[in-house]
Amino acid sequence: MGTILTTIGALVLGGVVAAATIVGVVSSQTAAPDKSPTNVNAPVIEYGSN
């Protein structure tokens, strides 16, 4: 019985962590421009130094 409860607890905890991560990523990418880490109008691509 204990292993079943442990398994269910792990599934619930994993679901909560995954949901929080997805919500955080989506909200940071779709936030207002002053709070978003990206800028479509001025992309910066740095692949190394010359």
N, C-alpha and C. Protein backbone atom coordinates (compact mmCIF):
# COMPACT_ATOMS: atom_id res chain seq x y z
N MET A 1 0.83 -1.20 0.00
CA MET A 1 0.00 0.00 0.00
C MET A 1 0.87 1.26 0.00
N GLY A 2 1.99 1.20 0.69
CA GLY A 2 2.87 2.36 0.75
C GLY A 2 3.49 2.72 -0.58
N THR A 3 3.79 1.70 -1.38
CA THR A 3 4.40 1.98 -2.68
C THR A 3 3.40 2.63 -3.63
N ILE A 4 2.13 2.27 -3.49
CA ILE A 4 1.10 2.90 -4.34
C ILE A 4 0.96 4.37 -3.98
N LEU A 5 0.94 4.67 -2.69
CA LEU A 5 0.84 6.07 -2.26
C LEU A 5 2.07 6.86 -2.67
N THR A 6 3.23 6.24 -2.59
CA THR A 6 4.46 6.91 -3.01
C THR A 6 4.43 7.20 -4.51
N THR A 7 3.96 6.25 -5.28
CA THR A 7 3.87 6.44 -6.73
C THR A 7 2.90 7.56 -7.08
N ILE A 8 1.74 7.56 -6.44
CA ILE A 8 0.74 8.61 -6.70
C ILE A 8 1.29 9.97 -6.27
N GLY A 9 1.96 10.01 -5.13
CA GLY A 9 2.55 11.27 -4.67
C GLY A 9 3.61 11.79 -5.62
N ALA A 10 4.43 10.89 -6.15
CA ALA A 10 5.46 11.30 -7.10
C ALA A 10 4.84 11.82 -8.39
N LEU A 11 3.77 11.16 -8.85
CA LEU A 11 3.09 11.63 -10.06
C LEU A 11 2.48 13.01 -9.86
N VAL A 12 1.85 13.22 -8.71
CA VAL A 12 1.25 14.52 -8.43
C VAL A 12 2.32 15.59 -8.34
N LEU A 13 3.39 15.32 -7.62
CA LEU A 13 4.47 16.29 -7.48
C LEU A 13 5.12 16.60 -8.82
N GLY A 14 5.34 15.58 -9.63
CA GLY A 14 5.90 15.80 -10.96
C GLY A 14 4.99 16.63 -11.84
N GLY A 15 3.69 16.38 -11.74
CA GLY A 15 2.72 17.18 -12.51
C GLY A 15 2.72 18.63 -12.09
N VAL A 16 2.82 18.88 -10.80
CA VAL A 16 2.85 20.26 -10.30
C VAL A 16 4.11 20.97 -10.78
N VAL A 17 5.24 20.30 -10.71
CA VAL A 17 6.50 20.91 -11.16
C VAL A 17 6.46 21.19 -12.66
N ALA A 18 5.94 20.24 -13.44
CA ALA A 18 5.86 20.43 -14.89
C ALA A 18 4.91 21.58 -15.23
N ALA A 19 3.76 21.63 -14.57
CA ALA A 19 2.79 22.69 -14.84
C ALA A 19 3.37 24.06 -14.49
N ALA A 20 4.06 24.16 -13.37
CA ALA A 20 4.65 25.44 -12.97
C ALA A 20 5.73 25.87 -13.96
N THR A 21 6.51 24.92 -14.44
CA THR A 21 7.55 25.24 -15.41
C THR A 21 6.95 25.73 -16.72
N ILE A 22 5.94 25.03 -17.21
CA ILE A 22 5.31 25.42 -18.48
C ILE A 22 4.64 26.78 -18.35
N VAL A 23 3.94 27.01 -17.25
CA VAL A 23 3.29 28.31 -17.05
C VAL A 23 4.33 29.42 -16.99
N GLY A 24 5.44 29.19 -16.31
CA GLY A 24 6.49 30.19 -16.23
C GLY A 24 7.11 30.52 -17.57
N VAL A 25 7.38 29.50 -18.37
CA VAL A 25 7.98 29.73 -19.69
C VAL A 25 7.01 30.46 -20.60
N VAL A 26 5.77 30.02 -20.64
CA VAL A 26 4.78 30.66 -21.52
C VAL A 26 4.53 32.10 -21.10
N SER A 27 4.40 32.35 -19.81
CA SER A 27 4.13 33.72 -19.37
C SER A 27 5.32 34.64 -19.62
N SER A 28 6.55 34.12 -19.50
CA SER A 28 7.71 34.98 -19.75
C SER A 28 7.86 35.28 -21.23
N GLN A 29 7.46 34.36 -22.09
CA GLN A 29 7.59 34.58 -23.53
C GLN A 29 6.44 35.39 -24.11
N THR A 30 5.32 35.46 -23.43
CA THR A 30 4.17 36.19 -23.94
C THR A 30 3.87 37.43 -23.11
N ALA A 31 4.77 37.82 -22.24
CA ALA A 31 4.57 39.00 -21.39
C ALA A 31 4.70 40.28 -22.21
N ALA A 32 4.39 41.37 -21.56
CA ALA A 32 4.54 42.68 -22.20
C ALA A 32 5.99 42.88 -22.61
N PRO A 33 6.25 43.70 -23.63
CA PRO A 33 7.63 43.87 -24.13
C PRO A 33 8.64 44.29 -23.07
N ASP A 34 8.22 45.07 -22.09
CA ASP A 34 9.18 45.50 -21.07
C ASP A 34 9.54 44.37 -20.11
N LYS A 35 8.73 43.31 -20.06
CA LYS A 35 9.00 42.19 -19.17
C LYS A 35 9.44 40.94 -19.93
N SER A 36 9.46 40.99 -21.24
CA SER A 36 9.82 39.83 -22.05
C SER A 36 11.32 39.85 -22.35
N PRO A 37 11.97 38.69 -22.29
CA PRO A 37 13.41 38.66 -22.55
C PRO A 37 13.78 38.76 -24.02
N THR A 38 12.80 38.69 -24.91
CA THR A 38 13.10 38.72 -26.34
C THR A 38 12.64 40.02 -26.96
N ASN A 39 13.25 40.36 -28.08
CA ASN A 39 12.87 41.56 -28.82
C ASN A 39 12.86 41.19 -30.30
N VAL A 40 11.69 41.13 -30.90
CA VAL A 40 11.56 40.71 -32.29
C VAL A 40 12.11 41.77 -33.23
N ASN A 41 12.01 43.03 -32.86
CA ASN A 41 12.43 44.12 -33.72
C ASN A 41 13.95 44.26 -33.80
N ALA A 42 14.65 43.84 -32.79
CA ALA A 42 16.11 43.97 -32.79
C ALA A 42 16.74 42.67 -32.29
N PRO A 43 16.74 41.63 -33.12
CA PRO A 43 17.33 40.37 -32.66
C PRO A 43 18.85 40.49 -32.53
N VAL A 44 19.37 39.86 -31.53
CA VAL A 44 20.81 39.85 -31.30
C VAL A 44 21.28 38.40 -31.37
N ILE A 45 22.18 38.14 -32.29
CA ILE A 45 22.71 36.79 -32.44
C ILE A 45 24.22 36.86 -32.24
N GLU A 46 24.69 36.25 -31.18
CA GLU A 46 26.11 36.23 -30.89
C GLU A 46 26.58 34.78 -30.87
N TYR A 47 27.30 34.38 -31.91
CA TYR A 47 27.77 33.01 -32.01
C TYR A 47 29.22 32.87 -31.57
N GLY A 48 29.84 33.93 -31.19
CA GLY A 48 31.24 33.89 -30.80
C GLY A 48 31.89 35.20 -31.13
N SER A 49 33.18 35.27 -30.95
CA SER A 49 33.88 36.51 -31.25
C SER A 49 34.76 36.33 -32.47
N ASN A 50 34.97 37.42 -33.18
CA ASN A 50 35.82 37.39 -34.38
C ASN A 50 37.21 37.85 -34.06
